[in-house]
Amino acid sequence: DGVFCAGADLKERAGMSPEEAEAFVKRLRAAFTAVERLPMP
């Protein structure tokens, strides 16, 4: 209730190194592209 998605988990990301954070954002970007590329509406 009251939320769709608050965005990235900043608490989790705070414990990541810059390299880990970059890799996670890249993975997030790829997942959203996979949403976009689903063949159905």
Full PDB file with SEQRES, HELIX, SHEET, SSBOND, CRYST1, ORIGX, SCALE, CONECT and MASTER records, all heavy atoms in Angstrom:
SEQRES   1 A   41  ASP GLY VAL PHE CYS ALA GLY ALA ASP LEU LYS GLU ARG          
SEQRES   2 A   41  ALA GLY MET SER PRO GLU GLU ALA GLU ALA PHE VAL LYS          
SEQRES   3 A   41  ARG LEU ARG ALA ALA PHE THR ALA VAL GLU ARG LEU PRO          
SEQRES   4 A   41  MET PRO                                                      
HELIX    1 AA1 LEU A   10  ALA A   14  1                                   5    
HELIX    2 AA2 PRO A   18  GLU A   36  1                                  19    
CRYST1    1.000    1.000    1.000  90.00  90.00  90.00 P 1           1          
ORIGX1      1.000000  0.000000  0.000000        0.00000                         
ORIGX2      0.000000  1.000000  0.000000        0.00000                         
ORIGX3      0.000000  0.000000  1.000000        0.00000                         
SCALE1      1.000000  0.000000  0.000000        0.00000                         
SCALE2      0.000000  1.000000  0.000000        0.00000                         
SCALE3      0.000000  0.000000  1.000000        0.00000                         
ATOM      1  N   ASP A   1       0.826  -1.207   0.000  1.00  0.00           N  
ATOM      2  CA  ASP A   1       0.000   0.000   0.000  1.00  0.00           C  
ATOM      3  C   ASP A   1       0.862   1.260   0.000  1.00  0.00           C  
ATOM      4  O   ASP A   1       1.869   1.349   0.691  1.00  0.00           O  
ATOM      5  CB  ASP A   1      -0.903   0.023   1.236  1.00  0.00           C  
ATOM      6  CG  ASP A   1      -2.026  -1.011   1.175  1.00  0.00           C  
ATOM      7  OD1 ASP A   1      -2.334  -1.471   0.064  1.00  0.00           O  
ATOM      8  OD2 ASP A   1      -2.576  -1.346   2.238  1.00  0.00           O  
ATOM      9  N   GLY A   2       0.427   2.234  -0.791  1.00  0.00           N  
ATOM     10  CA  GLY A   2       1.032   3.554  -0.742  1.00  0.00           C  
ATOM     11  C   GLY A   2       2.311   3.731  -1.520  1.00  0.00           C  
ATOM     12  O   GLY A   2       2.912   4.806  -1.467  1.00  0.00           O  
ATOM     13  N   VAL A   3       2.740   2.717  -2.262  1.00  0.00           N  
ATOM     14  CA  VAL A   3       3.983   2.854  -3.014  1.00  0.00           C  
ATOM     15  C   VAL A   3       3.981   1.912  -4.213  1.00  0.00           C  
ATOM     16  O   VAL A   3       3.478   0.788  -4.122  1.00  0.00           O  
ATOM     17  CB  VAL A   3       5.210   2.575  -2.117  1.00  0.00           C  
ATOM     18  CG1 VAL A   3       5.226   1.129  -1.633  1.00  0.00           C  
ATOM     19  CG2 VAL A   3       6.511   2.921  -2.832  1.00  0.00           C  
ATOM     20  N   PHE A   4       4.487   2.394  -5.333  1.00  0.00           N  
ATOM     21  CA  PHE A   4       4.780   1.502  -6.452  1.00  0.00           C  
ATOM     22  C   PHE A   4       6.184   0.968  -6.277  1.00  0.00           C  
ATOM     23  O   PHE A   4       6.408  -0.221  -6.097  1.00  0.00           O  
ATOM     24  CB  PHE A   4       4.631   2.240  -7.785  1.00  0.00           C  
ATOM     25  CG  PHE A   4       5.147   1.447  -8.964  1.00  0.00           C  
ATOM     26  CD1 PHE A   4       4.522   0.272  -9.356  1.00  0.00           C  
ATOM     27  CD2 PHE A   4       6.272   1.875  -9.674  1.00  0.00           C  
ATOM     28  CE1 PHE A   4       5.006  -0.472 -10.437  1.00  0.00           C  
ATOM     29  CE2 PHE A   4       6.756   1.146 -10.756  1.00  0.00           C  
ATOM     30  CZ  PHE A   4       6.122  -0.030 -11.134  1.00  0.00           C  
ATOM     31  N   CYS A   5       7.152   1.871  -6.283  1.00  0.00           N  
ATOM     32  CA  CYS A   5       8.545   1.488  -6.073  1.00  0.00           C  
ATOM     33  C   CYS A   5       9.325   2.730  -5.697  1.00  0.00           C  
ATOM     34  O   CYS A   5       9.270   3.739  -6.407  1.00  0.00           O  
ATOM     35  CB  CYS A   5       9.123   0.844  -7.328  1.00  0.00           C  
ATOM     36  SG  CYS A   5      10.878   0.450  -7.219  1.00  0.00           S  
ATOM     37  N   ALA A   6      10.033   2.654  -4.572  1.00  0.00           N  
ATOM     38  CA  ALA A   6      10.778   3.805  -4.064  1.00  0.00           C  
ATOM     39  C   ALA A   6      12.125   3.979  -4.741  1.00  0.00           C  
ATOM     40  O   ALA A   6      12.904   4.858  -4.354  1.00  0.00           O  
ATOM     41  CB  ALA A   6      10.966   3.672  -2.558  1.00  0.00           C  
ATOM     42  N   GLY A   7      12.418   3.159  -5.752  1.00  0.00           N  
ATOM     43  CA  GLY A   7      13.678   3.296  -6.467  1.00  0.00           C  
ATOM     44  C   GLY A   7      14.732   2.336  -5.965  1.00  0.00           C  
ATOM     45  O   GLY A   7      14.421   1.281  -5.406  1.00  0.00           O  
ATOM     46  N   ALA A   8      15.969   2.692  -6.155  1.00  0.00           N  
ATOM     47  CA  ALA A   8      17.071   1.830  -5.740  1.00  0.00           C  
ATOM     48  C   ALA A   8      17.128   1.718  -4.222  1.00  0.00           C  
ATOM     49  O   ALA A   8      16.727   2.633  -3.497  1.00  0.00           O  
ATOM     50  CB  ALA A   8      18.390   2.380  -6.270  1.00  0.00           C  
ATOM     51  N   ASP A   9      17.618   0.591  -3.760  1.00  0.00           N  
ATOM     52  CA  ASP A   9      17.796   0.379  -2.319  1.00  0.00           C  
ATOM     53  C   ASP A   9      19.084   1.084  -1.894  1.00  0.00           C  
ATOM     54  O   ASP A   9      20.180   0.529  -1.998  1.00  0.00           O  
ATOM     55  CB  ASP A   9      17.868  -1.117  -2.022  1.00  0.00           C  
ATOM     56  CG  ASP A   9      17.858  -1.412  -0.532  1.00  0.00           C  
ATOM     57  OD1 ASP A   9      18.274  -0.534   0.248  1.00  0.00           O  
ATOM     58  OD2 ASP A   9      17.454  -2.522  -0.154  1.00  0.00           O  
ATOM     59  N   LEU A  10      18.937   2.326  -1.417  1.00  0.00           N  
ATOM     60  CA  LEU A  10      20.112   3.131  -1.099  1.00  0.00           C  
ATOM     61  C   LEU A  10      20.844   2.603   0.130  1.00  0.00           C  
ATOM     62  O   LEU A  10      22.061   2.782   0.252  1.00  0.00           O  
ATOM     63  CB  LEU A  10      19.712   4.590  -0.904  1.00  0.00           C  
ATOM     64  CG  LEU A  10      19.106   5.280  -2.144  1.00  0.00           C  
ATOM     65  CD1 LEU A  10      18.789   6.732  -1.836  1.00  0.00           C  
ATOM     66  CD2 LEU A  10      20.042   5.173  -3.338  1.00  0.00           C  
ATOM     67  N   LYS A  11      20.125   1.960   1.043  1.00  0.00           N  
ATOM     68  CA  LYS A  11      20.799   1.369   2.202  1.00  0.00           C  
ATOM     69  C   LYS A  11      21.714   0.231   1.755  1.00  0.00           C  
ATOM     70  O   LYS A  11      22.846   0.105   2.221  1.00  0.00           O  
ATOM     71  CB  LYS A  11      19.766   0.849   3.206  1.00  0.00           C  
ATOM     72  CG  LYS A  11      18.990   1.943   3.918  1.00  0.00           C  
ATOM     73  CD  LYS A  11      18.029   1.354   4.945  1.00  0.00           C  
ATOM     74  CE  LYS A  11      17.256   2.449   5.662  1.00  0.00           C  
ATOM     75  NZ  LYS A  11      16.283   1.880   6.640  1.00  0.00           N  
ATOM     76  N   GLU A  12      21.222  -0.587   0.852  1.00  0.00           N  
ATOM     77  CA  GLU A  12      22.040  -1.677   0.327  1.00  0.00           C  
ATOM     78  C   GLU A  12      23.211  -1.129  -0.479  1.00  0.00           C  
ATOM     79  O   GLU A  12      24.339  -1.614  -0.377  1.00  0.00           O  
ATOM     80  CB  GLU A  12      21.174  -2.600  -0.528  1.00  0.00           C  
ATOM     81  CG  GLU A  12      21.843  -3.890  -0.961  1.00  0.00           C  
ATOM     82  CD  GLU A  12      20.894  -4.782  -1.732  1.00  0.00           C  
ATOM     83  OE1 GLU A  12      20.179  -5.562  -1.085  1.00  0.00           O  
ATOM     84  OE2 GLU A  12      20.873  -4.703  -2.979  1.00  0.00           O  
ATOM     85  N   ARG A  13      22.923  -0.098  -1.247  1.00  0.00           N  
ATOM     86  CA  ARG A  13      23.979   0.463  -2.101  1.00  0.00           C  
ATOM     87  C   ARG A  13      25.068   1.147  -1.291  1.00  0.00           C  
ATOM     88  O   ARG A  13      26.228   1.205  -1.713  1.00  0.00           O  
ATOM     89  CB  ARG A  13      23.374   1.442  -3.110  1.00  0.00           C  
ATOM     90  CG  ARG A  13      24.392   1.885  -4.144  1.00  0.00           C  
ATOM     91  CD  ARG A  13      23.787   2.681  -5.258  1.00  0.00           C  
ATOM     92  NE  ARG A  13      22.797   1.937  -6.002  1.00  0.00           N  
ATOM     93  CZ  ARG A  13      22.103   2.441  -7.032  1.00  0.00           C  
ATOM     94  NH1 ARG A  13      22.313   3.684  -7.406  1.00  0.00           N  
ATOM     95  NH2 ARG A  13      21.224   1.707  -7.664  1.00  0.00           N  
ATOM     96  N   ALA A  14      24.717   1.665  -0.109  1.00  0.00           N  
ATOM     97  CA  ALA A  14      25.711   2.347   0.721  1.00  0.00           C  
ATOM     98  C   ALA A  14      26.846   1.415   1.128  1.00  0.00           C  
ATOM     99  O   ALA A  14      27.963   1.870   1.394  1.00  0.00           O  
ATOM    100  CB  ALA A  14      25.046   2.930   1.961  1.00  0.00           C  
ATOM    101  N   GLY A  15      26.564   0.123   1.165  1.00  0.00           N  
ATOM    102  CA  GLY A  15      27.600  -0.837   1.516  1.00  0.00           C  
ATOM    103  C   GLY A  15      28.381  -1.370   0.338  1.00  0.00           C  
ATOM    104  O   GLY A  15      29.246  -2.240   0.497  1.00  0.00           O  
ATOM    105  N   MET A  16      28.101  -0.848  -0.852  1.00  0.00           N  
ATOM    106  CA  MET A  16      28.797  -1.301  -2.051  1.00  0.00           C  
ATOM    107  C   MET A  16      30.004  -0.415  -2.335  1.00  0.00           C  
ATOM    108  O   MET A  16      29.979   0.795  -2.077  1.00  0.00           O  
ATOM    109  CB  MET A  16      27.861  -1.259  -3.266  1.00  0.00           C  
ATOM    110  CG  MET A  16      26.678  -2.179  -3.202  1.00  0.00           C  
ATOM    111  SD  MET A  16      25.663  -2.015  -4.728  1.00  0.00           S  
ATOM    112  CE  MET A  16      24.287  -3.083  -4.356  1.00  0.00           C  
ATOM    113  N   SER A  17      31.022  -1.022  -2.912  1.00  0.00           N  
ATOM    114  CA  SER A  17      32.138  -0.233  -3.433  1.00  0.00           C  
ATOM    115  C   SER A  17      31.677   0.475  -4.705  1.00  0.00           C  
ATOM    116  O   SER A  17      30.653   0.109  -5.285  1.00  0.00           O  
ATOM    117  CB  SER A  17      33.311  -1.157  -3.761  1.00  0.00           C  
ATOM    118  OG  SER A  17      32.978  -2.000  -4.857  1.00  0.00           O  
ATOM    119  N   PRO A  18      32.408   1.508  -5.160  1.00  0.00           N  
ATOM    120  CA  PRO A  18      32.028   2.162  -6.419  1.00  0.00           C  
ATOM    121  C   PRO A  18      31.911   1.176  -7.581  1.00  0.00           C  
ATOM    122  O   PRO A  18      31.017   1.308  -8.419  1.00  0.00           O  
ATOM    123  CB  PRO A  18      33.165   3.164  -6.644  1.00  0.00           C  
ATOM    124  CG  PRO A  18      33.652   3.488  -5.277  1.00  0.00           C  
ATOM    125  CD  PRO A  18      33.538   2.200  -4.503  1.00  0.00           C  
ATOM    126  N   GLU A  19      32.781   0.174  -7.609  1.00  0.00           N  
ATOM    127  CA  GLU A  19      32.730  -0.823  -8.687  1.00  0.00           C  
ATOM    128  C   GLU A  19      31.473  -1.678  -8.577  1.00  0.00           C  
ATOM    129  O   GLU A  19      30.824  -1.979  -9.582  1.00  0.00           O  
ATOM    130  CB  GLU A  19      33.976  -1.711  -8.650  1.00  0.00           C  
ATOM    131  CG  GLU A  19      35.298  -0.998  -8.956  1.00  0.00           C  
ATOM    132  CD  GLU A  19      35.810  -0.152  -7.794  1.00  0.00           C  
ATOM    133  OE1 GLU A  19      35.345  -0.370  -6.649  1.00  0.00           O  
ATOM    134  OE2 GLU A  19      36.661   0.732  -8.033  1.00  0.00           O  
ATOM    135  N   GLU A  20      31.130  -2.059  -7.343  1.00  0.00           N  
ATOM    136  CA  GLU A  20      29.915  -2.850  -7.135  1.00  0.00           C  
ATOM    137  C   GLU A  20      28.667  -2.045  -7.477  1.00  0.00           C  
ATOM    138  O   GLU A  20      27.721  -2.568  -8.081  1.00  0.00           O  
ATOM    139  CB  GLU A  20      29.858  -3.344  -5.686  1.00  0.00           C  
ATOM    140  CG  GLU A  20      30.877  -4.415  -5.347  1.00  0.00           C  
ATOM    141  CD  GLU A  20      30.900  -4.736  -3.865  1.00  0.00           C  
ATOM    142  OE1 GLU A  20      30.633  -3.817  -3.040  1.00  0.00           O  
ATOM    143  OE2 GLU A  20      31.183  -5.892  -3.518  1.00  0.00           O  
ATOM    144  N   ALA A  21      28.662  -0.775  -7.086  1.00  0.00           N  
ATOM    145  CA  ALA A  21      27.519   0.082  -7.392  1.00  0.00           C  
ATOM    146  C   ALA A  21      27.354   0.249  -8.902  1.00  0.00           C  
ATOM    147  O   ALA A  21      26.235   0.195  -9.426  1.00  0.00           O  
ATOM    148  CB  ALA A  21      27.690   1.443  -6.728  1.00  0.00           C  
ATOM    149  N   GLU A  22      28.458   0.436  -9.607  1.00  0.00           N  
ATOM    150  CA  GLU A  22      28.404   0.577 -11.058  1.00  0.00           C  
ATOM    151  C   GLU A  22      27.865  -0.686 -11.712  1.00  0.00           C  
ATOM    152  O   GLU A  22      27.027  -0.631 -12.622  1.00  0.00           O  
ATOM    153  CB  GLU A  22      29.786   0.898 -11.615  1.00  0.00           C  
ATOM    154  CG  GLU A  22      29.808   1.105 -13.122  1.00  0.00           C  
ATOM    155  CD  GLU A  22      31.188   1.429 -13.661  1.00  0.00           C  
ATOM    156  OE1 GLU A  22      32.166   1.373 -12.872  1.00  0.00           O  
ATOM    157  OE2 GLU A  22      31.303   1.743 -14.849  1.00  0.00           O  
ATOM    158  N   ALA A  23      28.313  -1.836 -11.225  1.00  0.00           N  
ATOM    159  CA  ALA A  23      27.852  -3.114 -11.774  1.00  0.00           C  
ATOM    160  C   ALA A  23      26.363  -3.316 -11.507  1.00  0.00           C  
ATOM    161  O   ALA A  23      25.629  -3.830 -12.362  1.00  0.00           O  
ATOM    162  CB  ALA A  23      28.662  -4.266 -11.186  1.00  0.00           C  
ATOM    163  N   PHE A  24      25.902  -2.906 -10.320  1.00  0.00           N  
ATOM    164  CA  PHE A  24      24.498  -3.080  -9.985  1.00  0.00           C  
ATOM    165  C   PHE A  24      23.620  -2.187 -10.857  1.00  0.00           C  
ATOM    166  O   PHE A  24      22.566  -2.626 -11.342  1.00  0.00           O  
ATOM    167  CB  PHE A  24      24.247  -2.779  -8.511  1.00  0.00           C  
ATOM    168  CG  PHE A  24      22.843  -3.066  -8.077  1.00  0.00           C  
ATOM    169  CD1 PHE A  24      22.450  -4.359  -7.773  1.00  0.00           C  
ATOM    170  CD2 PHE A  24      21.908  -2.041  -7.976  1.00  0.00           C  
ATOM    171  CE1 PHE A  24      21.142  -4.626  -7.381  1.00  0.00           C  
ATOM    172  CE2 PHE A  24      20.603  -2.307  -7.597  1.00  0.00           C  
ATOM    173  CZ  PHE A  24      20.224  -3.603  -7.292  1.00  0.00           C  
ATOM    174  N   VAL A  25      24.026  -0.942 -11.049  1.00  0.00           N  
ATOM    175  CA  VAL A  25      23.250  -0.038 -11.899  1.00  0.00           C  
ATOM    176  C   VAL A  25      23.208  -0.566 -13.337  1.00  0.00           C  
ATOM    177  O   VAL A  25      22.174  -0.495 -14.011  1.00  0.00           O  
ATOM    178  CB  VAL A  25      23.815   1.392 -11.853  1.00  0.00           C  
ATOM    179  CG1 VAL A  25      23.129   2.288 -12.882  1.00  0.00           C  
ATOM    180  CG2 VAL A  25      23.642   1.981 -10.460  1.00  0.00           C  
ATOM    181  N   LYS A  26      24.312  -1.113 -13.803  1.00  0.00           N  
ATOM    182  CA  LYS A  26      24.338  -1.705 -15.148  1.00  0.00           C  
ATOM    183  C   LYS A  26      23.348  -2.862 -15.243  1.00  0.00           C  
ATOM    184  O   LYS A  26      22.632  -3.013 -16.244  1.00  0.00           O  
ATOM    185  CB  LYS A  26      25.755  -2.184 -15.471  1.00  0.00           C  
ATOM    186  CG  LYS A  26      25.916  -2.738 -16.872  1.00  0.00           C  
ATOM    187  CD  LYS A  26      27.371  -3.128 -17.140  1.00  0.00           C  
ATOM    188  CE  LYS A  26      27.536  -3.674 -18.557  1.00  0.00           C  
ATOM    189  NZ  LYS A  26      28.951  -4.047 -18.830  1.00  0.00           N  
ATOM    190  N   ARG A  27      23.299  -3.669 -14.187  1.00  0.00           N  
ATOM    191  CA  ARG A  27      22.354  -4.796 -14.146  1.00  0.00           C  
ATOM    192  C   ARG A  27      20.916  -4.291 -14.113  1.00  0.00           C  
ATOM    193  O   ARG A  27      20.021  -4.844 -14.777  1.00  0.00           O  
ATOM    194  CB  ARG A  27      22.666  -5.643 -12.915  1.00  0.00           C  
ATOM    195  CG  ARG A  27      21.837  -6.883 -12.752  1.00  0.00           C  
ATOM    196  CD  ARG A  27      22.276  -7.627 -11.498  1.00  0.00           C  
ATOM    197  NE  ARG A  27      21.287  -8.588 -11.076  1.00  0.00           N  
ATOM    198  CZ  ARG A  27      21.266  -9.178  -9.889  1.00  0.00           C  
ATOM    199  NH1 ARG A  27      22.231  -8.909  -9.009  1.00  0.00           N  
ATOM    200  NH2 ARG A  27      20.309 -10.026  -9.578  1.00  0.00           N  
ATOM    201  N   LEU A  28      20.672  -3.220 -13.352  1.00  0.00           N  
ATOM    202  CA  LEU A  28      19.344  -2.624 -13.282  1.00  0.00           C  
ATOM    203  C   LEU A  28      18.914  -2.098 -14.644  1.00  0.00           C  
ATOM    204  O   LEU A  28      17.777  -2.312 -15.094  1.00  0.00           O  
ATOM    205  CB  LEU A  28      19.376  -1.481 -12.260  1.00  0.00           C  
ATOM    206  CG  LEU A  28      18.076  -1.039 -11.600  1.00  0.00           C  
ATOM    207  CD1 LEU A  28      17.456  -2.161 -10.797  1.00  0.00           C  
ATOM    208  CD2 LEU A  28      18.339   0.169 -10.709  1.00  0.00           C  
ATOM    209  N   ARG A  29      19.845  -1.427 -15.305  1.00  0.00           N  
ATOM    210  CA  ARG A  29      19.558  -0.891 -16.645  1.00  0.00           C  
ATOM    211  C   ARG A  29      19.210  -2.012 -17.618  1.00  0.00           C  
ATOM    212  O   ARG A  29      18.269  -1.892 -18.418  1.00  0.00           O  
ATOM    213  CB  ARG A  29      20.767  -0.103 -17.151  1.00  0.00           C  
ATOM    214  CG  ARG A  29      20.535   0.675 -18.433  1.00  0.00           C  
ATOM    215  CD  ARG A  29      21.797   1.395 -18.885  1.00  0.00           C  
ATOM    216  NE  ARG A  29      22.318   2.285 -17.857  1.00  0.00           N  
ATOM    217  CZ  ARG A  29      23.510   2.122 -17.274  1.00  0.00           C  
ATOM    218  NH1 ARG A  29      24.306   1.116 -17.623  1.00  0.00           N  
ATOM    219  NH2 ARG A  29      23.920   2.983 -16.360  1.00  0.00           N  
ATOM    220  N   ALA A  30      19.932  -3.113 -17.541  1.00  0.00           N  
ATOM    221  CA  ALA A  30      19.664  -4.251 -18.419  1.00  0.00           C  
ATOM    222  C   ALA A  30      18.304  -4.877 -18.123  1.00  0.00           C  
ATOM    223  O   ALA A  30      17.579  -5.278 -19.043  1.00  0.00           O  
ATOM    224  CB  ALA A  30      20.773  -5.295 -18.263  1.00  0.00           C  
ATOM    225  N   ALA A  31      17.936  -4.940 -16.847  1.00  0.00           N  
ATOM    226  CA  ALA A  31      16.639  -5.512 -16.480  1.00  0.00           C  
ATOM    227  C   ALA A  31      15.497  -4.649 -17.010  1.00  0.00           C  
ATOM    228  O   ALA A  31      14.494  -5.166 -17.517  1.00  0.00           O  
ATOM    229  CB  ALA A  31      16.533  -5.655 -14.959  1.00  0.00           C  
ATOM    230  N   PHE A  32      15.641  -3.337 -16.906  1.00  0.00           N  
ATOM    231  CA  PHE A  32      14.582  -2.462 -17.404  1.00  0.00           C  
ATOM    232  C   PHE A  32      14.497  -2.530 -18.927  1.00  0.00           C  
ATOM    233  O   PHE A  32      13.409  -2.431 -19.503  1.00  0.00           O  
ATOM    234  CB  PHE A  32      14.826  -1.028 -16.943  1.00  0.00           C  
ATOM    235  CG  PHE A  32      14.663  -0.823 -15.455  1.00  0.00           C  
ATOM    236  CD1 PHE A  32      14.315  -1.870 -14.615  1.00  0.00           C  
ATOM    237  CD2 PHE A  32      14.878   0.421 -14.888  1.00  0.00           C  
ATOM    238  CE1 PHE A  32      14.171  -1.693 -13.244  1.00  0.00           C  
ATOM    239  CE2 PHE A  32      14.729   0.619 -13.523  1.00  0.00           C  
ATOM    240  CZ  PHE A  32      14.383  -0.444 -12.700  1.00  0.00           C  
ATOM    241  N   THR A  33      15.630  -2.705 -19.582  1.00  0.00           N  
ATOM    242  CA  THR A  33      15.609  -2.901 -21.031  1.00  0.00           C  
ATOM    243  C   THR A  33      14.912  -4.201 -21.372  1.00  0.00           C  
ATOM    244  O   THR A  33      14.174  -4.292 -22.366  1.00  0.00           O  
ATOM    245  CB  THR A  33      17.038  -2.887 -21.594  1.00  0.00           C  
ATOM    246  OG1 THR A  33      17.629  -1.610 -21.340  1.00  0.00           O  
ATOM    247  CG2 THR A  33      17.041  -3.140 -23.099  1.00  0.00           C  
ATOM    248  N   ALA A  34      15.078  -5.228 -20.540  1.00  0.00           N  
ATOM    249  CA  ALA A  34      14.376  -6.493 -20.749  1.00  0.00           C  
ATOM    250  C   ALA A  34      12.869  -6.325 -20.589  1.00  0.00           C  
ATOM    251  O   ALA A  34      12.083  -6.963 -21.302  1.00  0.00           O  
ATOM    252  CB  ALA A  34      14.899  -7.554 -19.779  1.00  0.00           C  
ATOM    253  N   VAL A  35      12.446  -5.459 -19.657  1.00  0.00           N  
ATOM    254  CA  VAL A  35      11.021  -5.132 -19.533  1.00  0.00           C  
ATOM    255  C   VAL A  35      10.531  -4.502 -20.833  1.00  0.00           C  
ATOM    256  O   VAL A  35       9.509  -4.901 -21.400  1.00  0.00           O  
ATOM    257  CB  VAL A  35      10.774  -4.164 -18.358  1.00  0.00           C  
ATOM    258  CG1 VAL A  35       9.330  -3.666 -18.366  1.00  0.00           C  
ATOM    259  CG2 VAL A  35      11.086  -4.833 -17.028  1.00  0.00           C  
ATOM    260  N   GLU A  36      11.280  -3.532 -21.309  1.00  0.00           N  
ATOM    261  CA  GLU A  36      10.920  -2.815 -22.537  1.00  0.00           C  
ATOM    262  C   GLU A  36      10.832  -3.759 -23.727  1.00  0.00           C  
ATOM    263  O   GLU A  36       9.980  -3.588 -24.613  1.00  0.00           O  
ATOM    264  CB  GLU A  36      11.956  -1.724 -22.794  1.00  0.00           C  
ATOM    265  CG  GLU A  36      11.654  -0.811 -23.952  1.00  0.00           C  
ATOM    266  CD  GLU A  36      12.680   0.300 -24.038  1.00  0.00           C  
ATOM    267  OE1 GLU A  36      13.892  -0.009 -24.066  1.00  0.00           O  
ATOM    268  OE2 GLU A  36      12.282   1.471 -24.068  1.00  0.00           O  
ATOM    269  N   ARG A  37      11.684  -4.776 -23.748  1.00  0.00           N  
ATOM    270  CA  ARG A  37      11.768  -5.665 -24.903  1.00  0.00           C  
ATOM    271  C   ARG A  37      10.891  -6.905 -24.790  1.00  0.00           C  
ATOM    272  O   ARG A  37      10.929  -7.766 -25.679  1.00  0.00           O  
ATOM    273  CB  ARG A  37      13.227  -6.064 -25.129  1.00  0.00           C  
ATOM    274  CG  ARG A  37      14.078  -4.891 -25.615  1.00  0.00           C  
ATOM    275  CD  ARG A  37      15.524  -5.280 -25.845  1.00  0.00           C  
ATOM    276  NE  ARG A  37      16.298  -4.130 -26.315  1.00  0.00           N  
ATOM    277  CZ  ARG A  37      17.627  -4.128 -26.448  1.00  0.00           C  
ATOM    278  NH1 ARG A  37      18.329  -5.208 -26.134  1.00  0.00           N  
ATOM    279  NH2 ARG A  37      18.243  -3.045 -26.879  1.00  0.00           N  
ATOM    280  N   LEU A  38      10.116  -7.024 -23.722  1.00  0.00           N  
ATOM    281  CA  LEU A  38       9.138  -8.103 -23.714  1.00  0.00           C  
ATOM    282  C   LEU A  38       8.261  -7.958 -24.947  1.00  0.00           C  
ATOM    283  O   LEU A  38       7.838  -6.839 -25.290  1.00  0.00           O  
ATOM    284  CB  LEU A  38       8.284  -8.055 -22.454  1.00  0.00           C  
ATOM    285  CG  LEU A  38       8.893  -8.605 -21.166  1.00  0.00           C  
ATOM    286  CD1 LEU A  38       7.930  -8.404 -19.996  1.00  0.00           C  
ATOM    287  CD2 LEU A  38       9.259 -10.078 -21.305  1.00  0.00           C  
ATOM    288  N   PRO A  39       7.954  -9.032 -25.634  1.00  0.00           N  
ATOM    289  CA  PRO A  39       7.249  -8.897 -26.910  1.00  0.00           C  
ATOM    290  C   PRO A  39       5.787  -8.507 -26.789  1.00  0.00           C  
ATOM    291  O   PRO A  39       5.212  -7.971 -27.724  1.00  0.00           O  
ATOM    292  CB  PRO A  39       7.402 -10.285 -27.543  1.00  0.00           C  
ATOM    293  CG  PRO A  39       7.596 -11.215 -26.386  1.00  0.00           C  
ATOM    294  CD  PRO A  39       8.377 -10.420 -25.372  1.00  0.00           C  
ATOM    295  N   MET A  40       5.179  -8.781 -25.641  1.00  0.00           N  
ATOM    296  CA  MET A  40       3.767  -8.460 -25.443  1.00  0.00           C  
ATOM    297  C   MET A  40       3.600  -7.095 -24.775  1.00  0.00           C  
ATOM    298  O   MET A  40       4.548  -6.570 -24.193  1.00  0.00           O  
ATOM    299  CB  MET A  40       3.079  -9.548 -24.607  1.00  0.00           C  
ATOM    300  CG  MET A  40       3.479  -9.586 -23.133  1.00  0.00           C  
ATOM    301  SD  MET A  40       5.178 -10.150 -22.805  1.00  0.00           S  
ATOM    302  CE  MET A  40       5.043 -11.889 -23.247  1.00  0.00           C  
ATOM    303  N   PRO A  41       2.404  -6.483 -24.847  1.00  0.00           N  
ATOM    304  CA  PRO A  41       2.186  -5.212 -24.152  1.00  0.00           C  
ATOM    305  C   PRO A  41       2.404  -5.354 -22.650  1.00  0.00           C  
ATOM    306  O   PRO A  41       1.990  -6.340 -22.036  1.00  0.00           O  
ATOM    307  CB  PRO A  41       0.722  -4.881 -24.468  1.00  0.00           C  
ATOM    308  CG  PRO A  41       0.426  -5.612 -25.744  1.00  0.00           C  
ATOM    309  CD  PRO A  41       1.228  -6.872 -25.663  1.00  0.00           C  
TER     310      PRO A  41                                                      
MASTER        0    0    0    2    0    0    0    6  309    1    0    4          
END                                                                             
